[in-house]
């Protein structure tokens, strides 16, 4: 097995996933996953390649791109197989995929769309379970870590939709359950950002973005840089498992 540690980050061609890749790039080999944004993934690969490595002779390949629609269980399994075949090992998995549809959270009529419930449950719960299951043997071998991107909407009823909030709460409980099941070899944690002003977050109306800032205790929203730094911290924390870390400026307090 090659010595330099490997991180697989799903949904990482842009936004938070891309920033996590940047934070890992100096001392991890990184697999970038995308569903449809091949050009963004390739642009990120070029950017990552310009970041100096702390390893004088990094194992090759240092970075790799893999397409997979992680709403498909079979695609998740293939993604993991290809990651290990190409990189030789797996130490860190950041399960970063998710889905929502922008609605009025307070309008119950918006909260009973069956398609929204089905798609939210697949993308916010099932895909994280499938990925954990597919990577458990490789992570056990390296005593690695699995980190899932949840949301403060799963802690405090809020966010883009009722099905999103409820399935994010389920995702957080899944992480805690997996921490019990996969111990002692694998550490499993989640991060729950507040509103992030990514391309997705900017779809919220300005009034909702302003209200989100007012709801924080620090008078500012968390940034993708803040969240990515905490993902790295969890990766390196050998004694932390089963935890959900809210990165929300204090809005959930």
C-alpha atoms as a PDB file:
ATOM      1  CA  UNK A   1       0.000   0.000   0.000  1.00  0.00           C
ATOM      2  CA  UNK A   2       1.201   3.488  -0.801  1.00  0.00           C
ATOM      3  CA  UNK A   3       2.011   5.516   2.291  1.00  0.00           C
ATOM      4  CA  UNK A   4       0.468   8.903   1.570  1.00  0.00           C
ATOM      5  CA  UNK A   5      -3.106   9.102   2.836  1.00  0.00           C
ATOM      6  CA  UNK A   6      -6.040   9.312   0.441  1.00  0.00           C
ATOM      7  CA  UNK A   7      -9.277  11.297   0.788  1.00  0.00           C
ATOM      8  CA  UNK A   8     -12.413  10.751  -1.281  1.00  0.00           C
ATOM      9  CA  UNK A   9     -14.759  13.745  -1.387  1.00  0.00           C
ATOM     10  CA  UNK A  10     -18.162  13.376  -3.027  1.00  0.00           C
ATOM     11  CA  UNK A  11     -19.883  16.286  -4.782  1.00  0.00           C
ATOM     12  CA  UNK A  12     -16.592  18.166  -4.758  1.00  0.00           C
ATOM     13  CA  UNK A  13     -16.340  19.963  -8.089  1.00  0.00           C
ATOM     14  CA  UNK A  14     -17.481  23.271  -6.535  1.00  0.00           C
ATOM     15  CA  UNK A  15     -18.630  24.955  -3.331  1.00  0.00           C
ATOM     16  CA  UNK A  16     -17.862  23.342   0.011  1.00  0.00           C
ATOM     17  CA  UNK A  17     -16.576  20.092  -1.494  1.00  0.00           C
ATOM     18  CA  UNK A  18     -14.015  21.951  -3.601  1.00  0.00           C
ATOM     19  CA  UNK A  19     -12.827  23.943  -0.583  1.00  0.00           C
ATOM     20  CA  UNK A  20     -12.392  20.735   1.431  1.00  0.00           C
ATOM     21  CA  UNK A  21     -10.260  19.411  -1.433  1.00  0.00           C
ATOM     22  CA  UNK A  22      -8.101  22.549  -1.287  1.00  0.00           C
ATOM     23  CA  UNK A  23      -7.576  22.146   2.456  1.00  0.00           C
ATOM     24  CA  UNK A  24      -6.575  18.497   2.014  1.00  0.00           C
ATOM     25  CA  UNK A  25      -4.381  19.036  -1.060  1.00  0.00           C
ATOM     26  CA  UNK A  26      -1.028  19.806   0.611  1.00  0.00           C
ATOM     27  CA  UNK A  27      -0.701  16.486   2.459  1.00  0.00           C
ATOM     28  CA  UNK A  28      -3.408  14.118   1.176  1.00  0.00           C
ATOM     29  CA  UNK A  29      -3.970  12.538  -2.185  1.00  0.00           C
ATOM     30  CA  UNK A  30      -7.505  13.494  -3.182  1.00  0.00           C
ATOM     31  CA  UNK A  31     -10.242  11.968  -5.330  1.00  0.00           C
ATOM     32  CA  UNK A  32     -12.709  14.522  -6.683  1.00  0.00           C
ATOM     33  CA  UNK A  33     -16.200  13.247  -7.458  1.00  0.00           C
ATOM     34  CA  UNK A  34     -18.721  15.021  -9.659  1.00  0.00           C
ATOM     35  CA  UNK A  35     -22.141  14.097 -11.053  1.00  0.00           C
ATOM     36  CA  UNK A  36     -22.328  16.294 -14.176  1.00  0.00           C
ATOM     37  CA  UNK A  37     -19.924  19.265 -13.830  1.00  0.00           C
ATOM     38  CA  UNK A  38     -16.907  17.742 -15.578  1.00  0.00           C
ATOM     39  CA  UNK A  39     -15.465  21.120 -16.598  1.00  0.00           C
ATOM     40  CA  UNK A  40     -15.608  22.383 -12.995  1.00  0.00           C
ATOM     41  CA  UNK A  41     -13.939  19.201 -11.758  1.00  0.00           C
ATOM     42  CA  UNK A  42     -11.164  19.545 -14.333  1.00  0.00           C
ATOM     43  CA  UNK A  43     -10.644  23.210 -13.439  1.00  0.00           C
ATOM     44  CA  UNK A  44     -10.388  22.264  -9.758  1.00  0.00           C
ATOM     45  CA  UNK A  45      -7.877  19.527 -10.607  1.00  0.00           C
ATOM     46  CA  UNK A  46      -5.682  22.102 -12.341  1.00  0.00           C
ATOM     47  CA  UNK A  47      -5.949  24.396  -9.333  1.00  0.00           C
ATOM     48  CA  UNK A  48      -5.119  21.635  -6.852  1.00  0.00           C
ATOM     49  CA  UNK A  49      -2.085  20.599  -8.880  1.00  0.00           C
ATOM     50  CA  UNK A  50      -0.615  24.071  -8.339  1.00  0.00           C
ATOM     51  CA  UNK A  51      -0.758  23.694  -4.529  1.00  0.00           C
ATOM     52  CA  UNK A  52       2.649  22.636  -3.177  1.00  0.00           C
ATOM     53  CA  UNK A  53       2.816  19.203  -1.585  1.00  0.00           C
ATOM     54  CA  UNK A  54       4.430  18.731   1.837  1.00  0.00           C
ATOM     55  CA  UNK A  55       5.643  15.350   0.590  1.00  0.00           C
ATOM     56  CA  UNK A  56       8.806  15.810  -1.534  1.00  0.00           C
ATOM     57  CA  UNK A  57       7.901  12.868  -3.771  1.00  0.00           C
ATOM     58  CA  UNK A  58       4.141  12.414  -3.460  1.00  0.00           C
ATOM     59  CA  UNK A  59       2.688   9.091  -4.472  1.00  0.00           C
ATOM     60  CA  UNK A  60       1.047   9.215  -7.856  1.00  0.00           C
ATOM     61  CA  UNK A  61      -1.547   9.990  -8.858  1.00  0.00           C
ATOM     62  CA  UNK A  62      -1.745  12.882  -6.454  1.00  0.00           C
ATOM     63  CA  UNK A  63      -5.260  13.813  -7.587  1.00  0.00           C
ATOM     64  CA  UNK A  64      -7.912  11.955  -9.521  1.00  0.00           C
ATOM     65  CA  UNK A  65     -11.403  12.749 -10.880  1.00  0.00           C
ATOM     66  CA  UNK A  66     -14.250  10.237 -10.900  1.00  0.00           C
ATOM     67  CA  UNK A  67     -17.765  10.785 -12.227  1.00  0.00           C
ATOM     68  CA  UNK A  68     -20.588   9.177 -10.274  1.00  0.00           C
ATOM     69  CA  UNK A  69     -24.217   9.995  -9.589  1.00  0.00           C
ATOM     70  CA  UNK A  70     -24.267   9.112  -5.892  1.00  0.00           C
ATOM     71  CA  UNK A  71     -28.066   8.869  -5.873  1.00  0.00           C
ATOM     72  CA  UNK A  72     -27.401   5.409  -7.336  1.00  0.00           C
ATOM     73  CA  UNK A  73     -26.215   2.691  -4.950  1.00  0.00           C
ATOM     74  CA  UNK A  74     -24.442   0.869  -7.794  1.00  0.00           C
ATOM     75  CA  UNK A  75     -22.659   4.094  -8.818  1.00  0.00           C
ATOM     76  CA  UNK A  76     -21.464   4.615  -5.235  1.00  0.00           C
ATOM     77  CA  UNK A  77     -20.029   1.094  -5.166  1.00  0.00           C
ATOM     78  CA  UNK A  78     -18.242   1.643  -8.482  1.00  0.00           C
ATOM     79  CA  UNK A  79     -16.902   5.010  -7.270  1.00  0.00           C
ATOM     80  CA  UNK A  80     -15.332   3.364  -4.229  1.00  0.00           C
ATOM     81  CA  UNK A  81     -13.925   0.426  -6.208  1.00  0.00           C
ATOM     82  CA  UNK A  82     -12.320   2.794  -8.735  1.00  0.00           C
ATOM     83  CA  UNK A  83     -10.954   5.034  -5.974  1.00  0.00           C
ATOM     84  CA  UNK A  84      -9.167   2.146  -4.263  1.00  0.00           C
ATOM     85  CA  UNK A  85      -8.005   0.633  -7.569  1.00  0.00           C
ATOM     86  CA  UNK A  86      -6.464   3.939  -8.657  1.00  0.00           C
ATOM     87  CA  UNK A  87      -5.125   5.268  -5.337  1.00  0.00           C
ATOM     88  CA  UNK A  88      -4.284   2.019  -3.548  1.00  0.00           C
ATOM     89  CA  UNK A  89      -5.856   2.881  -0.200  1.00  0.00           C
ATOM     90  CA  UNK A  90      -8.528   5.026   1.482  1.00  0.00           C
ATOM     91  CA  UNK A  91      -8.151   6.968   4.725  1.00  0.00           C
ATOM     92  CA  UNK A  92     -10.776   9.718   4.676  1.00  0.00           C
ATOM     93  CA  UNK A  93     -14.256   9.853   3.157  1.00  0.00           C
ATOM     94  CA  UNK A  94     -16.145  13.139   3.072  1.00  0.00           C
ATOM     95  CA  UNK A  95     -19.744  12.361   2.129  1.00  0.00           C
ATOM     96  CA  UNK A  96     -20.754  15.780   0.894  1.00  0.00           C
ATOM     97  CA  UNK A  97     -23.728  15.161  -1.407  1.00  0.00           C
ATOM     98  CA  UNK A  98     -27.201  16.464  -0.621  1.00  0.00           C
ATOM     99  CA  UNK A  99     -30.358  17.832  -2.198  1.00  0.00           C
ATOM    100  CA  UNK A 100     -33.213  20.209  -1.561  1.00  0.00           C
ATOM    101  CA  UNK A 101     -35.840  22.235  -3.380  1.00  0.00           C
ATOM    102  CA  UNK A 102     -36.313  25.826  -2.360  1.00  0.00           C
ATOM    103  CA  UNK A 103     -39.725  26.225  -0.714  1.00  0.00           C
ATOM    104  CA  UNK A 104     -41.358  28.193   2.070  1.00  0.00           C
ATOM    105  CA  UNK A 105     -40.500  26.141   5.167  1.00  0.00           C
ATOM    106  CA  UNK A 106     -43.449  27.631   7.076  1.00  0.00           C
ATOM    107  CA  UNK A 107     -46.040  26.686   4.438  1.00  0.00           C
ATOM    108  CA  UNK A 108     -47.283  23.144   5.134  1.00  0.00           C
ATOM    109  CA  UNK A 109     -48.592  22.939   1.567  1.00  0.00           C
ATOM    110  CA  UNK A 110     -44.990  23.184   0.367  1.00  0.00           C
ATOM    111  CA  UNK A 111     -43.989  20.462   2.823  1.00  0.00           C
ATOM    112  CA  UNK A 112     -46.054  17.569   1.519  1.00  0.00           C
ATOM    113  CA  UNK A 113     -44.584  17.094  -1.959  1.00  0.00           C
ATOM    114  CA  UNK A 114     -43.889  13.363  -2.228  1.00  0.00           C
ATOM    115  CA  UNK A 115     -41.168  13.758  -4.857  1.00  0.00           C
ATOM    116  CA  UNK A 116     -39.310  16.148  -2.549  1.00  0.00           C
ATOM    117  CA  UNK A 117     -39.500  13.645   0.327  1.00  0.00           C
ATOM    118  CA  UNK A 118     -38.305  10.769  -1.825  1.00  0.00           C
ATOM    119  CA  UNK A 119     -35.389  12.645  -3.373  1.00  0.00           C
ATOM    120  CA  UNK A 120     -34.353  14.244  -0.049  1.00  0.00           C
ATOM    121  CA  UNK A 121     -34.344  10.856   1.654  1.00  0.00           C
ATOM    122  CA  UNK A 122     -32.172   9.329  -1.067  1.00  0.00           C
ATOM    123  CA  UNK A 123     -29.683  12.200  -1.236  1.00  0.00           C
ATOM    124  CA  UNK A 124     -29.589  13.247   2.425  1.00  0.00           C
ATOM    125  CA  UNK A 125     -29.747   9.811   4.067  1.00  0.00           C
ATOM    126  CA  UNK A 126     -29.380   6.782   1.823  1.00  0.00           C
ATOM    127  CA  UNK A 127     -26.367   7.921  -0.190  1.00  0.00           C
ATOM    128  CA  UNK A 128     -24.380   8.490   3.024  1.00  0.00           C
ATOM    129  CA  UNK A 129     -25.257   4.990   4.233  1.00  0.00           C
ATOM    130  CA  UNK A 130     -24.310   3.434   0.890  1.00  0.00           C
ATOM    131  CA  UNK A 131     -20.981   5.267   0.866  1.00  0.00           C
ATOM    132  CA  UNK A 132     -20.177   4.284   4.457  1.00  0.00           C
ATOM    133  CA  UNK A 133     -21.024   0.673   3.684  1.00  0.00           C
ATOM    134  CA  UNK A 134     -18.944   0.621   0.494  1.00  0.00           C
ATOM    135  CA  UNK A 135     -15.892   2.150   2.213  1.00  0.00           C
ATOM    136  CA  UNK A 136     -16.027   0.361   5.577  1.00  0.00           C
ATOM    137  CA  UNK A 137     -13.457  -2.339   4.753  1.00  0.00           C
ATOM    138  CA  UNK A 138     -10.913   0.094   3.312  1.00  0.00           C
ATOM    139  CA  UNK A 139     -11.394   2.571   6.173  1.00  0.00           C
ATOM    140  CA  UNK A 140     -11.121  -0.203   8.741  1.00  0.00           C
ATOM    141  CA  UNK A 141      -7.796  -1.239   7.236  1.00  0.00           C
ATOM    142  CA  UNK A 142      -6.360   2.272   7.655  1.00  0.00           C
ATOM    143  CA  UNK A 143      -8.312   3.118  10.833  1.00  0.00           C
ATOM    144  CA  UNK A 144      -9.725   6.011   8.878  1.00  0.00           C
ATOM    145  CA  UNK A 145     -12.587   8.434   9.229  1.00  0.00           C
ATOM    146  CA  UNK A 146     -15.967   9.092   7.600  1.00  0.00           C
ATOM    147  CA  UNK A 147     -17.351  12.639   7.718  1.00  0.00           C
ATOM    148  CA  UNK A 148     -20.797  13.578   6.447  1.00  0.00           C
ATOM    149  CA  UNK A 149     -22.022  17.068   5.534  1.00  0.00           C
ATOM    150  CA  UNK A 150     -25.374  17.629   7.246  1.00  0.00           C
ATOM    151  CA  UNK A 151     -27.032  20.973   8.066  1.00  0.00           C
ATOM    152  CA  UNK A 152     -28.121  23.117  10.970  1.00  0.00           C
ATOM    153  CA  UNK A 153     -31.625  22.566   9.520  1.00  0.00           C
ATOM    154  CA  UNK A 154     -31.330  19.051  10.934  1.00  0.00           C
ATOM    155  CA  UNK A 155     -30.761  20.450  14.424  1.00  0.00           C
ATOM    156  CA  UNK A 156     -33.155  23.401  14.488  1.00  0.00           C
ATOM    157  CA  UNK A 157     -36.353  23.262  12.373  1.00  0.00           C
ATOM    158  CA  UNK A 158     -35.505  25.657   9.553  1.00  0.00           C
ATOM    159  CA  UNK A 159     -34.047  25.792   6.080  1.00  0.00           C
ATOM    160  CA  UNK A 160     -35.171  25.387   2.504  1.00  0.00           C
ATOM    161  CA  UNK A 161     -37.915  22.804   3.046  1.00  0.00           C
ATOM    162  CA  UNK A 162     -39.559  20.512   5.577  1.00  0.00           C
ATOM    163  CA  UNK A 163     -38.333  17.314   3.876  1.00  0.00           C
ATOM    164  CA  UNK A 164     -34.802  18.745   3.795  1.00  0.00           C
ATOM    165  CA  UNK A 165     -34.829  19.556   7.519  1.00  0.00           C
ATOM    166  CA  UNK A 166     -36.273  16.188   8.540  1.00  0.00           C
ATOM    167  CA  UNK A 167     -33.921  14.149   6.347  1.00  0.00           C
ATOM    168  CA  UNK A 168     -30.929  16.157   7.581  1.00  0.00           C
ATOM    169  CA  UNK A 169     -31.973  15.235  11.132  1.00  0.00           C
ATOM    170  CA  UNK A 170     -32.099  11.605   9.991  1.00  0.00           C
ATOM    171  CA  UNK A 171     -28.640  12.004   8.438  1.00  0.00           C
ATOM    172  CA  UNK A 172     -27.215  13.231  11.754  1.00  0.00           C
ATOM    173  CA  UNK A 173     -28.739  10.267  13.578  1.00  0.00           C
ATOM    174  CA  UNK A 174     -27.388   7.928  10.898  1.00  0.00           C
ATOM    175  CA  UNK A 175     -23.900   9.289  11.559  1.00  0.00           C
ATOM    176  CA  UNK A 176     -24.244   8.682  15.297  1.00  0.00           C
ATOM    177  CA  UNK A 177     -25.519   5.176  14.608  1.00  0.00           C
ATOM    178  CA  UNK A 178     -22.653   4.418  12.227  1.00  0.00           C
ATOM    179  CA  UNK A 179     -20.187   5.681  14.831  1.00  0.00           C
ATOM    180  CA  UNK A 180     -21.479   2.950  17.150  1.00  0.00           C
ATOM    181  CA  UNK A 181     -21.620   0.254  14.470  1.00  0.00           C
ATOM    182  CA  UNK A 182     -18.221   0.925  12.846  1.00  0.00           C
ATOM    183  CA  UNK A 183     -16.244   1.433  16.058  1.00  0.00           C
ATOM    184  CA  UNK A 184     -13.503   0.973  17.090  1.00  0.00           C
ATOM    185  CA  UNK A 185     -11.638   1.122  13.779  1.00  0.00           C
ATOM    186  CA  UNK A 186     -13.560   3.913  12.012  1.00  0.00           C
ATOM    187  CA  UNK A 187     -14.464   7.344  13.372  1.00  0.00           C
ATOM    188  CA  UNK A 188     -17.750   8.766  12.028  1.00  0.00           C
ATOM    189  CA  UNK A 189     -18.797  12.398  12.474  1.00  0.00           C
ATOM    190  CA  UNK A 190     -20.838  15.100  10.752  1.00  0.00           C
ATOM    191  CA  UNK A 191     -20.619  18.835  10.236  1.00  0.00           C
ATOM    192  CA  UNK A 192     -23.769  20.970  10.163  1.00  0.00           C
ATOM    193  CA  UNK A 193     -23.186  24.321   8.483  1.00  0.00           C
ATOM    194  CA  UNK A 194     -25.616  27.176   8.723  1.00  0.00           C
ATOM    195  CA  UNK A 195     -26.481  29.014   5.536  1.00  0.00           C
ATOM    196  CA  UNK A 196     -23.462  29.122   3.227  1.00  0.00           C
ATOM    197  CA  UNK A 197     -23.418  31.759   0.511  1.00  0.00           C
ATOM    198  CA  UNK A 198     -22.324  29.334  -2.182  1.00  0.00           C
ATOM    199  CA  UNK A 199     -23.933  29.238  -5.625  1.00  0.00           C
ATOM    200  CA  UNK A 200     -26.707  27.213  -3.963  1.00  0.00           C
ATOM    201  CA  UNK A 201     -27.033  29.498  -0.925  1.00  0.00           C
ATOM    202  CA  UNK A 202     -27.342  32.575  -3.102  1.00  0.00           C
ATOM    203  CA  UNK A 203     -30.628  31.140  -4.416  1.00  0.00           C
ATOM    204  CA  UNK A 204     -32.232  32.198  -1.146  1.00  0.00           C
ATOM    205  CA  UNK A 205     -33.933  35.623  -1.403  1.00  0.00           C
ATOM    206  CA  UNK A 206     -31.896  38.483   0.036  1.00  0.00           C
ATOM    207  CA  UNK A 207     -34.427  38.939   2.848  1.00  0.00           C
ATOM    208  CA  UNK A 208     -33.862  35.355   4.014  1.00  0.00           C
ATOM    209  CA  UNK A 209     -30.079  35.742   3.799  1.00  0.00           C
ATOM    210  CA  UNK A 210     -30.250  38.898   5.907  1.00  0.00           C
ATOM    211  CA  UNK A 211     -32.485  37.204   8.463  1.00  0.00           C
ATOM    212  CA  UNK A 212     -30.037  34.299   8.658  1.00  0.00           C
ATOM    213  CA  UNK A 213     -27.240  36.727   9.549  1.00  0.00           C
ATOM    214  CA  UNK A 214     -29.437  38.370  12.212  1.00  0.00           C
ATOM    215  CA  UNK A 215     -30.174  34.943  13.709  1.00  0.00           C
ATOM    216  CA  UNK A 216     -26.489  34.264  14.373  1.00  0.00           C
ATOM    217  CA  UNK A 217     -24.835  35.193  17.662  1.00  0.00           C
ATOM    218  CA  UNK A 218     -21.618  36.272  15.926  1.00  0.00           C
ATOM    219  CA  UNK A 219     -23.266  38.582  13.409  1.00  0.00           C
ATOM    220  CA  UNK A 220     -21.853  36.626  10.465  1.00  0.00           C
ATOM    221  CA  UNK A 221     -22.556  33.490   8.494  1.00  0.00           C
ATOM    222  CA  UNK A 222     -20.059  30.672   8.390  1.00  0.00           C
ATOM    223  CA  UNK A 223     -18.027  30.411   5.193  1.00  0.00           C
ATOM    224  CA  UNK A 224     -17.004  27.364   3.184  1.00  0.00           C
ATOM    225  CA  UNK A 225     -13.474  28.016   4.457  1.00  0.00           C
ATOM    226  CA  UNK A 226     -14.699  27.769   8.072  1.00  0.00           C
ATOM    227  CA  UNK A 227     -16.483  24.489   7.402  1.00  0.00           C
ATOM    228  CA  UNK A 228     -13.622  22.953   5.401  1.00  0.00           C
ATOM    229  CA  UNK A 229     -11.184  23.777   8.202  1.00  0.00           C
ATOM    230  CA  UNK A 230     -13.430  21.975  10.683  1.00  0.00           C
ATOM    231  CA  UNK A 231     -13.684  18.933   8.395  1.00  0.00           C
ATOM    232  CA  UNK A 232      -9.888  18.781   8.436  1.00  0.00           C
ATOM    233  CA  UNK A 233      -9.883  19.132  12.233  1.00  0.00           C
ATOM    234  CA  UNK A 234     -12.291  16.188  12.550  1.00  0.00           C
ATOM    235  CA  UNK A 235     -10.111  14.198  10.171  1.00  0.00           C
ATOM    236  CA  UNK A 236      -7.093  14.661  12.428  1.00  0.00           C
ATOM    237  CA  UNK A 237      -8.945  14.233  15.749  1.00  0.00           C
ATOM    238  CA  UNK A 238      -8.204  10.669  16.811  1.00  0.00           C
ATOM    239  CA  UNK A 239     -10.578  10.683  19.803  1.00  0.00           C
ATOM    240  CA  UNK A 240     -13.736  12.172  18.295  1.00  0.00           C
ATOM    241  CA  UNK A 241     -16.574  10.024  16.956  1.00  0.00           C
ATOM    242  CA  UNK A 242     -20.374  10.192  16.850  1.00  0.00           C
ATOM    243  CA  UNK A 243     -20.369  13.986  16.974  1.00  0.00           C
ATOM    244  CA  UNK A 244     -22.280  16.575  14.961  1.00  0.00           C
ATOM    245  CA  UNK A 245     -20.432  19.871  14.801  1.00  0.00           C
ATOM    246  CA  UNK A 246     -22.618  22.925  14.163  1.00  0.00           C
ATOM    247  CA  UNK A 247     -20.760  25.624  12.232  1.00  0.00           C
ATOM    248  CA  UNK A 248     -23.417  28.309  12.129  1.00  0.00           C
ATOM    249  CA  UNK A 249     -22.290  31.454  13.905  1.00  0.00           C
ATOM    250  CA  UNK A 250     -24.337  30.332  16.887  1.00  0.00           C
ATOM    251  CA  UNK A 251     -27.712  30.374  15.126  1.00  0.00           C
ATOM    252  CA  UNK A 252     -28.735  27.015  16.612  1.00  0.00           C
ATOM    253  CA  UNK A 253     -27.990  28.036  20.207  1.00  0.00           C
END
